[in-house]
Amino acid sequence: MPEIIATKKDANLHLNMKFHLLVLGLLFSRIGTNIYTMALPWVAYNLSGSSMIMGTVFAVEMLPFVLLLPFGGVLIDRLDRRKLMITADIIRIIFVLSIPVMYWMDVLVTPMIFIVAFLASTLSFFIDVPLQAIIPQLVPKEILTKANVRIQLIENLSRTVGPLLGGALIGLVGVYTSLLINSIAYLMMVICLFFIDQIPLSNERQNAEKIWDDIKKGFLYVWKRWDLRIIACISILSNFGISLVMSTLVYYLRDSLHVKAAYTGVVFASIGIFGMLGSLVVEPLMNKIKRGYIISFLPVLGGGVGALLVAVFPHWISTAIGFGLWGGSITTLSVILNTYKQESIENNLYGRVEGSLTSISYVSIPLAGFIGGLSIQGLGSLPTYLVAGCSVMLAGLLAFFSPLRKI
């Protein structure tokens, strides 16, 4: 009997070690991504001097999530998720490194930025979605919320450290060396994944259907469930609003407010600071308030107040506070939605369903990138960011006046 108890304890300790390795790798990976998120628009603006080009780069980054992800979701359910993440991360490192290498060889041109943005974004999906699918395989269902809160804390810590580090690096060593350091951070994720043991394939993945049938299965699953249809609509509106800001923020800070790189890093870091605060309170809130009410009120309050601060007060400090409230609300919302999806979607279908759902909900992001680049230069920041705030608030109102409020 003592031996059985010891074996169970060892198994739990092993699972915990896997989860902590995943979290550690995620921290490095997300810090790298936040450096990349600041650096790539900087490179595009250095090459072109155009807000339209900057917005277009953002739109191109998001296109894979619309065009390729249903197919990608099928692969995630068919292949070894851990090996897929390792392979995708290594290839992503090569693409990110190609930008400084081309610059130092004096062959970097704007079209190459579009190509790298598209391919790196495609590969990021094969890291992010398998990560969400792996979590329920590493932790018991009863503590999924706690695991997702911890993941979100790491996400928000990296959103704080990454932009601060990115802004400091761009100011001190330049944007191209910053991308080199970004690649080293991605490599740490590969090392952590390497030390996680094999995760077994499900029976359905071992007896896979035709790829097209699997893709249809993902979309049909989303269509047949009213809750996932509403989540898709909420995500479309939220993504449009926040993407109007994200696609234009570097241009707005550099060209309109004349903010230095270090302060730009502070503005981007604010989303992580507010997101960490949200991650700390979301679990206690969920114990006292229905998830549906939190899903409804976060976009309304965060989107409304945040949009007003960013749009009406043209200063980097008010922009940081408003952007932090805004983005922090959205990232806190993702903890609740991810937990809900992990609880309610069969794990052997998760890649297909999440791929289909993400593809649908990201439709508005490339559109926001194109519109944002034109709007901020033609109309200015006030109407651009007010429209963005209204879009996010509408997502909250949709959740409130739908059955999702009752979950």
Foldseek 3Di string as FASTA:
>chain_A
DVVVVVVVVVLLVLLVLLLVLLLVLLLLLLLLVLLVLLLLLVVLCVQPVALLLLLLLQLLLLVCLQPPLLLVLLCCLQDQLLVQLLVLLVVLLVLLLVQLVCVVVVNDHSVSSSVSSNSSSNSVLSNVLSSLLCQCVSDPLVCLLVSLLSSLLSNLVSLQNNLLVSLVCCVPPNSNVSSVVSSVSSVSSSVSSVPRDGRDRDPCSVVDDDSVVLLVVQQVVQVVDPVSVLVLLLLQLLLLLLLLCSSCVVVCCCPVVVHGSNLSSLLSSLLSVLLNVLSVCLVVCVVPAPLLLLLQVLLQVLLPQLLCQCQVDSDSVSSSNSSNSNNSSVSSNVSSVSSVCNSPPPSSSSSSNVSNSSNSSSPSNSVSSSCSSVCCVPPNRNVSSVSSSVSSNVSSVSSCPDCSSVD
